[in-house]
Amino acid sequence: QTSLAQTLLHDLNVDISNLEETGHNLTRASSTNGAGGVLDIFYPEWKMSIATNEQLFRMTCQLWKEAYCNGETKEDVRWH
C-alpha cells in the first residue's frame, strides 16, 4: 500500500526517518518553496482515497464549521 512516506521518498527523495539530511527536498513539492506549508502532491491513489472518503469529508466539514462559523445557519451562508 502506497503512503505519504513512500510518495515523498520515491518522488522527492525525502526520507521521513532522515529529515535532517533529506527534508530540504520538500521545497521541490511546493510552488511557494515551502512558504505556504502546503505540498503540491495531488494525485497519488492514497491521497485520492482520503479526499473521496465520505466519513473524512463529513469530519472535515464539522471541523470547518466549528472553527469558522459563528452561529450562522446554512441560510446565513452564501454558497458558491
PDB file of N, CA and C in Angstrom:
ATOM      1  N   GLN A   1       0.840  -1.172   0.000  1.00  0.00           N
ATOM      2  CA  GLN A   1       0.000   0.000   0.000  1.00  0.00           C
ATOM      3  C   GLN A   1       0.888   1.239   0.000  1.00  0.00           C
ATOM      4  N   THR A   2       0.604   2.123  -0.915  1.00  0.00           N
ATOM      5  CA  THR A   2       1.367   3.354  -1.029  1.00  0.00           C
ATOM      6  C   THR A   2       0.945   4.327   0.065  1.00  0.00           C
ATOM      7  N   SER A   3       1.893   5.089   0.556  1.00  0.00           N
ATOM      8  CA  SER A   3       1.612   6.043   1.627  1.00  0.00           C
ATOM      9  C   SER A   3       2.306   7.363   1.331  1.00  0.00           C
ATOM     10  N   LEU A   4       2.032   8.345   2.169  1.00  0.00           N
ATOM     11  CA  LEU A   4       2.711   9.630   2.041  1.00  0.00           C
ATOM     12  C   LEU A   4       4.218   9.444   2.124  1.00  0.00           C
ATOM     13  N   ALA A   5       4.677   8.636   3.072  1.00  0.00           N
ATOM     14  CA  ALA A   5       6.118   8.421   3.237  1.00  0.00           C
ATOM     15  C   ALA A   5       6.736   7.840   1.971  1.00  0.00           C
ATOM     16  N   GLN A   6       6.050   6.904   1.340  1.00  0.00           N
ATOM     17  CA  GLN A   6       6.583   6.299   0.109  1.00  0.00           C
ATOM     18  C   GLN A   6       6.570   7.301  -1.036  1.00  0.00           C
ATOM     19  N   THR A   7       5.507   8.094  -1.126  1.00  0.00           N
ATOM     20  CA  THR A   7       5.444   9.117  -2.168  1.00  0.00           C
ATOM     21  C   THR A   7       6.581  10.116  -1.999  1.00  0.00           C
ATOM     22  N   LEU A   8       6.811  10.559  -0.777  1.00  0.00           N
ATOM     23  CA  LEU A   8       7.899  11.507  -0.520  1.00  0.00           C
ATOM     24  C   LEU A   8       9.251  10.914  -0.884  1.00  0.00           C
ATOM     25  N   LEU A   9       9.468   9.658  -0.520  1.00  0.00           N
ATOM     26  CA  LEU A   9      10.746   9.022  -0.790  1.00  0.00           C
ATOM     27  C   LEU A   9      10.967   8.829  -2.287  1.00  0.00           C
ATOM     28  N   HIS A  10       9.971   8.278  -2.983  1.00  0.00           N
ATOM     29  CA  HIS A  10      10.151   7.959  -4.398  1.00  0.00           C
ATOM     30  C   HIS A  10      10.078   9.169  -5.319  1.00  0.00           C
ATOM     31  N   ASP A  11       9.220  10.119  -5.001  1.00  0.00           N
ATOM     32  CA  ASP A  11       9.043  11.271  -5.887  1.00  0.00           C
ATOM     33  C   ASP A  11       9.970  12.445  -5.563  1.00  0.00           C
ATOM     34  N   LEU A  12      10.331  12.584  -4.279  1.00  0.00           N
ATOM     35  CA  LEU A  12      11.070  13.779  -3.876  1.00  0.00           C
ATOM     36  C   LEU A  12      12.392  13.494  -3.188  1.00  0.00           C
ATOM     37  N   ASN A  13      12.699  12.226  -2.963  1.00  0.00           N
ATOM     38  CA  ASN A  13      13.910  11.831  -2.249  1.00  0.00           C
ATOM     39  C   ASN A  13      13.935  12.407  -0.827  1.00  0.00           C
ATOM     40  N   VAL A  14      12.760  12.348  -0.165  1.00  0.00           N
ATOM     41  CA  VAL A  14      12.642  12.771   1.231  1.00  0.00           C
ATOM     42  C   VAL A  14      12.410  11.514   2.061  1.00  0.00           C
ATOM     43  N   ASP A  15      13.341  11.227   2.935  1.00  0.00           N
ATOM     44  CA  ASP A  15      13.257  10.058   3.816  1.00  0.00           C
ATOM     45  C   ASP A  15      12.771  10.542   5.178  1.00  0.00           C
ATOM     46  N   ILE A  16      11.553  10.116   5.570  1.00  0.00           N
ATOM     47  CA  ILE A  16      10.989  10.631   6.819  1.00  0.00           C
ATOM     48  C   ILE A  16      11.787  10.193   8.047  1.00  0.00           C
ATOM     49  N   SER A  17      12.605   9.173   7.905  1.00  0.00           N
ATOM     50  CA  SER A  17      13.437   8.762   9.036  1.00  0.00           C
ATOM     51  C   SER A  17      14.795   9.469   9.016  1.00  0.00           C
ATOM     52  N   ASN A  18      15.007  10.332   8.033  1.00  0.00           N
ATOM     53  CA  ASN A  18      16.254  11.081   7.932  1.00  0.00           C
ATOM     54  C   ASN A  18      15.963  12.491   7.401  1.00  0.00           C
ATOM     55  N   LEU A  19      15.056  13.177   8.065  1.00  0.00           N
ATOM     56  CA  LEU A  19      14.653  14.511   7.606  1.00  0.00           C
ATOM     57  C   LEU A  19      15.771  15.536   7.721  1.00  0.00           C
ATOM     58  N   GLU A  20      16.671  15.336   8.652  1.00  0.00           N
ATOM     59  CA  GLU A  20      17.770  16.284   8.815  1.00  0.00           C
ATOM     60  C   GLU A  20      18.581  16.416   7.522  1.00  0.00           C
ATOM     61  N   GLU A  21      18.763  15.304   6.826  1.00  0.00           N
ATOM     62  CA  GLU A  21      19.559  15.332   5.594  1.00  0.00           C
ATOM     63  C   GLU A  21      18.723  15.428   4.325  1.00  0.00           C
ATOM     64  N   THR A  22      17.454  15.006   4.366  1.00  0.00           N
ATOM     65  CA  THR A  22      16.657  14.969   3.139  1.00  0.00           C
ATOM     66  C   THR A  22      15.466  15.926   3.143  1.00  0.00           C
ATOM     67  N   GLY A  23      15.153  16.512   4.286  1.00  0.00           N
ATOM     68  CA  GLY A  23      13.982  17.371   4.399  1.00  0.00           C
ATOM     69  C   GLY A  23      13.978  18.568   3.475  1.00  0.00           C
ATOM     70  N   HIS A  24      15.160  19.059   3.128  1.00  0.00           N
ATOM     71  CA  HIS A  24      15.240  20.220   2.236  1.00  0.00           C
ATOM     72  C   HIS A  24      14.613  19.940   0.867  1.00  0.00           C
ATOM     73  N   ASN A  25      14.513  18.669   0.504  1.00  0.00           N
ATOM     74  CA  ASN A  25      13.915  18.316  -0.792  1.00  0.00           C
ATOM     75  C   ASN A  25      12.415  18.588  -0.838  1.00  0.00           C
ATOM     76  N   LEU A  26      11.794  18.835   0.308  1.00  0.00           N
ATOM     77  CA  LEU A  26      10.363  19.142   0.322  1.00  0.00           C
ATOM     78  C   LEU A  26      10.043  20.409  -0.452  1.00  0.00           C
ATOM     79  N   THR A  27      10.984  21.325  -0.545  1.00  0.00           N
ATOM     80  CA  THR A  27      10.717  22.568  -1.277  1.00  0.00           C
ATOM     81  C   THR A  27      10.409  22.306  -2.747  1.00  0.00           C
ATOM     82  N   ARG A  28      10.871  21.172  -3.262  1.00  0.00           N
ATOM     83  CA  ARG A  28      10.572  20.829  -4.661  1.00  0.00           C
ATOM     84  C   ARG A  28       9.103  20.479  -4.857  1.00  0.00           C
ATOM     85  N   ALA A  29       8.389  20.187  -3.772  1.00  0.00           N
ATOM     86  CA  ALA A  29       6.974  19.825  -3.862  1.00  0.00           C
ATOM     87  C   ALA A  29       6.072  20.998  -3.503  1.00  0.00           C
ATOM     88  N   SER A  30       6.613  22.191  -3.544  1.00  0.00           N
ATOM     89  CA  SER A  30       5.830  23.359  -3.161  1.00  0.00           C
ATOM     90  C   SER A  30       6.032  24.476  -4.172  1.00  0.00           C
ATOM     91  N   SER A  31       4.929  24.969  -4.690  1.00  0.00           N
ATOM     92  CA  SER A  31       5.018  26.073  -5.654  1.00  0.00           C
ATOM     93  C   SER A  31       5.456  27.371  -4.982  1.00  0.00           C
ATOM     94  N   THR A  32       5.448  27.398  -3.638  1.00  0.00           N
ATOM     95  CA  THR A  32       5.888  28.581  -2.896  1.00  0.00           C
ATOM     96  C   THR A  32       7.190  28.313  -2.148  1.00  0.00           C
ATOM     97  N   ASN A  33       7.900  27.267  -2.540  1.00  0.00           N
ATOM     98  CA  ASN A  33       9.141  26.860  -1.884  1.00  0.00           C
ATOM     99  C   ASN A  33       8.962  26.615  -0.391  1.00  0.00           C
ATOM    100  N   GLY A  34       7.779  26.139  -0.025  1.00  0.00           N
ATOM    101  CA  GLY A  34       7.513  25.788   1.364  1.00  0.00           C
ATOM    102  C   GLY A  34       6.915  26.891   2.202  1.00  0.00           C
ATOM    103  N   ALA A  35       6.802  28.092   1.657  1.00  0.00           N
ATOM    104  CA  ALA A  35       6.313  29.227   2.442  1.00  0.00           C
ATOM    105  C   ALA A  35       4.861  29.059   2.869  1.00  0.00           C
ATOM    106  N   GLY A  36       4.062  28.387   2.062  1.00  0.00           N
ATOM    107  CA  GLY A  36       2.643  28.245   2.381  1.00  0.00           C
ATOM    108  C   GLY A  36       2.319  27.049   3.245  1.00  0.00           C
ATOM    109  N   GLY A  37       3.281  26.172   3.459  1.00  0.00           N
ATOM    110  CA  GLY A  37       3.049  25.000   4.285  1.00  0.00           C
ATOM    111  C   GLY A  37       2.221  23.929   3.616  1.00  0.00           C
ATOM    112  N   VAL A  38       2.035  24.019   2.304  1.00  0.00           N
ATOM    113  CA  VAL A  38       1.236  23.042   1.570  1.00  0.00           C
ATOM    114  C   VAL A  38       2.111  22.382   0.512  1.00  0.00           C
ATOM    115  N   LEU A  39       2.058  21.061   0.467  1.00  0.00           N
ATOM    116  CA  LEU A  39       2.798  20.330  -0.560  1.00  0.00           C
ATOM    117  C   LEU A  39       1.916  20.154  -1.783  1.00  0.00           C
ATOM    118  N   ASP A  40       2.480  20.387  -2.946  1.00  0.00           N
ATOM    119  CA  ASP A  40       1.746  20.212  -4.193  1.00  0.00           C
ATOM    120  C   ASP A  40       1.824  18.747  -4.626  1.00  0.00           C
ATOM    121  N   ILE A  41       1.189  17.896  -3.856  1.00  0.00           N
ATOM    122  CA  ILE A  41       1.091  16.461  -4.167  1.00  0.00           C
ATOM    123  C   ILE A  41      -0.389  16.200  -4.361  1.00  0.00           C
ATOM    124  N   PHE A  42      -0.791  15.904  -5.605  1.00  0.00           N
ATOM    125  CA  PHE A  42      -2.212  15.905  -5.906  1.00  0.00           C
ATOM    126  C   PHE A  42      -2.851  14.540  -6.151  1.00  0.00           C
ATOM    127  N   TYR A  43      -2.228  13.660  -6.901  1.00  0.00           N
ATOM    128  CA  TYR A  43      -2.965  12.528  -7.430  1.00  0.00           C
ATOM    129  C   TYR A  43      -2.555  11.129  -7.002  1.00  0.00           C
ATOM    130  N   PRO A  44      -1.694  10.932  -6.025  1.00  0.00           N
ATOM    131  CA  PRO A  44      -1.406   9.551  -5.633  1.00  0.00           C
ATOM    132  C   PRO A  44      -2.695   8.867  -5.159  1.00  0.00           C
ATOM    133  N   GLU A  45      -2.802   7.588  -5.405  1.00  0.00           N
ATOM    134  CA  GLU A  45      -4.022   6.850  -5.074  1.00  0.00           C
ATOM    135  C   GLU A  45      -4.397   6.989  -3.600  1.00  0.00           C
ATOM    136  N   TRP A  46      -3.397   6.949  -2.708  1.00  0.00           N
ATOM    137  CA  TRP A  46      -3.695   7.051  -1.277  1.00  0.00           C
ATOM    138  C   TRP A  46      -4.345   8.386  -0.943  1.00  0.00           C
ATOM    139  N   LYS A  47      -3.906   9.458  -1.624  1.00  0.00           N
ATOM    140  CA  LYS A  47      -4.462  10.777  -1.331  1.00  0.00           C
ATOM    141  C   LYS A  47      -5.874  10.907  -1.892  1.00  0.00           C
ATOM    142  N   MET A  48      -6.108  10.334  -3.060  1.00  0.00           N
ATOM    143  CA  MET A  48      -7.442  10.360  -3.638  1.00  0.00           C
ATOM    144  C   MET A  48      -8.415   9.571  -2.764  1.00  0.00           C
ATOM    145  N   SER A  49      -7.950   8.491  -2.170  1.00  0.00           N
ATOM    146  CA  SER A  49      -8.798   7.702  -1.268  1.00  0.00           C
ATOM    147  C   SER A  49      -9.204   8.522  -0.048  1.00  0.00           C
ATOM    148  N   ILE A  50      -8.291   9.312   0.455  1.00  0.00           N
ATOM    149  CA  ILE A  50      -8.598  10.183   1.595  1.00  0.00           C
ATOM    150  C   ILE A  50      -9.561  11.286   1.158  1.00  0.00           C
ATOM    151  N   ALA A  51      -9.272  11.897   0.015  1.00  0.00           N
ATOM    152  CA  ALA A  51     -10.071  13.028  -0.448  1.00  0.00           C
ATOM    153  C   ALA A  51     -11.503  12.636  -0.795  1.00  0.00           C
ATOM    154  N   THR A  52     -11.719  11.387  -1.163  1.00  0.00           N
ATOM    155  CA  THR A  52     -13.060  10.960  -1.562  1.00  0.00           C
ATOM    156  C   THR A  52     -13.758  10.128  -0.499  1.00  0.00           C
ATOM    157  N   ASN A  53     -13.191  10.042   0.688  1.00  0.00           N
ATOM    158  CA  ASN A  53     -13.793   9.267   1.766  1.00  0.00           C
ATOM    159  C   ASN A  53     -14.911  10.091   2.406  1.00  0.00           C
ATOM    160  N   GLU A  54     -16.145   9.557   2.347  1.00  0.00           N
ATOM    161  CA  GLU A  54     -17.299  10.304   2.834  1.00  0.00           C
ATOM    162  C   GLU A  54     -17.211  10.653   4.316  1.00  0.00           C
ATOM    163  N   GLN A  55     -16.769   9.712   5.126  1.00  0.00           N
ATOM    164  CA  GLN A  55     -16.686   9.956   6.561  1.00  0.00           C
ATOM    165  C   GLN A  55     -15.648  11.039   6.872  1.00  0.00           C
ATOM    166  N   LEU A  56     -14.501  10.976   6.212  1.00  0.00           N
ATOM    167  CA  LEU A  56     -13.481  12.012   6.429  1.00  0.00           C
ATOM    168  C   LEU A  56     -13.981  13.380   5.965  1.00  0.00           C
ATOM    169  N   PHE A  57     -14.738  13.402   4.868  1.00  0.00           N
ATOM    170  CA  PHE A  57     -15.289  14.668   4.387  1.00  0.00           C
ATOM    171  C   PHE A  57     -16.265  15.256   5.406  1.00  0.00           C
ATOM    172  N   ARG A  58     -17.148  14.423   5.962  1.00  0.00           N
ATOM    173  CA  ARG A  58     -18.085  14.905   6.981  1.00  0.00           C
ATOM    174  C   ARG A  58     -17.341  15.430   8.204  1.00  0.00           C
ATOM    175  N   MET A  59     -16.296  14.720   8.615  1.00  0.00           N
ATOM    176  CA  MET A  59     -15.500  15.164   9.765  1.00  0.00           C
ATOM    177  C   MET A  59     -14.828  16.501   9.477  1.00  0.00           C
ATOM    178  N   THR A  60     -14.291  16.646   8.268  1.00  0.00           N
ATOM    179  CA  THR A  60     -13.642  17.894   7.874  1.00  0.00           C
ATOM    180  C   THR A  60     -14.646  19.040   7.876  1.00  0.00           C
ATOM    181  N   CYS A  61     -15.830  18.786   7.343  1.00  0.00           N
ATOM    182  CA  CYS A  61     -16.871  19.823   7.339  1.00  0.00           C
ATOM    183  C   CYS A  61     -17.245  20.231   8.752  1.00  0.00           C
ATOM    184  N   GLN A  62     -17.317  19.262   9.653  1.00  0.00           N
ATOM    185  CA  GLN A  62     -17.633  19.565  11.042  1.00  0.00           C
ATOM    186  C   GLN A  62     -16.535  20.426  11.668  1.00  0.00           C
ATOM    187  N   LEU A  63     -15.283  20.084  11.381  1.00  0.00           N
ATOM    188  CA  LEU A  63     -14.169  20.897  11.893  1.00  0.00           C
ATOM    189  C   LEU A  63     -14.218  22.311  11.344  1.00  0.00           C
ATOM    190  N   TRP A  64     -14.489  22.440  10.038  1.00  0.00           N
ATOM    191  CA  TRP A  64     -14.601  23.774   9.444  1.00  0.00           C
ATOM    192  C   TRP A  64     -15.713  24.566  10.106  1.00  0.00           C
ATOM    193  N   LYS A  65     -16.859  23.905  10.316  1.00  0.00           N
ATOM    194  CA  LYS A  65     -17.999  24.583  10.922  1.00  0.00           C
ATOM    195  C   LYS A  65     -17.635  25.108  12.313  1.00  0.00           C
ATOM    196  N   GLU A  66     -17.024  24.259  13.112  1.00  0.00           N
ATOM    197  CA  GLU A  66     -16.661  24.657  14.472  1.00  0.00           C
ATOM    198  C   GLU A  66     -15.573  25.731  14.485  1.00  0.00           C
ATOM    199  N   ALA A  67     -14.675  25.678  13.524  1.00  0.00           N
ATOM    200  CA  ALA A  67     -13.559  26.620  13.500  1.00  0.00           C
ATOM    201  C   ALA A  67     -13.927  27.972  12.887  1.00  0.00           C
ATOM    202  N   TYR A  68     -14.821  27.969  11.893  1.00  0.00           N
ATOM    203  CA  TYR A  68     -15.025  29.193  11.118  1.00  0.00           C
ATOM    204  C   TYR A  68     -16.419  29.794  11.197  1.00  0.00           C
ATOM    205  N   CYS A  69     -17.400  29.058  11.707  1.00  0.00           N
ATOM    206  CA  CYS A  69     -18.758  29.591  11.783  1.00  0.00           C
ATOM    207  C   CYS A  69     -19.031  30.131  13.177  1.00  0.00           C
ATOM    208  N   ASN A  70     -19.735  31.211  13.218  1.00  0.00           N
ATOM    209  CA  ASN A  70     -20.071  31.836  14.497  1.00  0.00           C
ATOM    210  C   ASN A  70     -21.575  31.814  14.710  1.00  0.00           C
ATOM    211  N   GLY A  71     -22.164  30.643  14.612  1.00  0.00           N
ATOM    212  CA  GLY A  71     -23.594  30.511  14.821  1.00  0.00           C
ATOM    213  C   GLY A  71     -24.428  30.700  13.573  1.00  0.00           C
ATOM    214  N   GLU A  72     -23.791  30.919  12.438  1.00  0.00           N
ATOM    215  CA  GLU A  72     -24.545  31.078  11.200  1.00  0.00           C
ATOM    216  C   GLU A  72     -25.227  29.756  10.837  1.00  0.00           C
ATOM    217  N   THR A  73     -26.356  29.876  10.182  1.00  0.00           N
ATOM    218  CA  THR A  73     -27.038  28.702   9.645  1.00  0.00           C
ATOM    219  C   THR A  73     -26.697  28.583   8.170  1.00  0.00           C
ATOM    220  N   LYS A  74     -27.134  27.498   7.551  1.00  0.00           N
ATOM    221  CA  LYS A  74     -26.899  27.341   6.112  1.00  0.00           C
ATOM    222  C   LYS A  74     -27.508  28.504   5.342  1.00  0.00           C
ATOM    223  N   GLU A  75     -28.650  28.984   5.811  1.00  0.00           N
ATOM    224  CA  GLU A  75     -29.326  30.084   5.125  1.00  0.00           C
ATOM    225  C   GLU A  75     -28.519  31.388   5.239  1.00  0.00           C
ATOM    226  N   ASP A  76     -27.737  31.501   6.310  1.00  0.00           N
ATOM    227  CA  ASP A  76     -26.918  32.703   6.509  1.00  0.00           C
ATOM    228  C   ASP A  76     -25.696  32.728   5.601  1.00  0.00           C
ATOM    229  N   VAL A  77     -25.258  31.543   5.209  1.00  0.00           N
ATOM    230  CA  VAL A  77     -24.016  31.420   4.452  1.00  0.00           C
ATOM    231  C   VAL A  77     -24.321  31.385   2.968  1.00  0.00           C
ATOM    232  N   ARG A  78     -23.593  32.136   2.231  1.00  0.00           N
ATOM    233  CA  ARG A  78     -23.774  32.177   0.780  1.00  0.00           C
ATOM    234  C   ARG A  78     -22.838  31.174   0.149  1.00  0.00           C
ATOM    235  N   TRP A  79     -23.369  30.108  -0.398  1.00  0.00           N
ATOM    236  CA  TRP A  79     -22.563  29.032  -1.002  1.00  0.00           C
ATOM    237  C   TRP A  79     -22.269  29.357  -2.438  1.00  0.00           C
ATOM    238  N   HIS A  80     -21.031  29.177  -2.835  1.00  0.00           N
ATOM    239  CA  HIS A  80     -20.635  29.464  -4.227  1.00  0.00           C
ATOM    240  C   HIS A  80     -20.333  28.178  -4.927  1.00  0.00           C
TER     241      HIS A  80
END
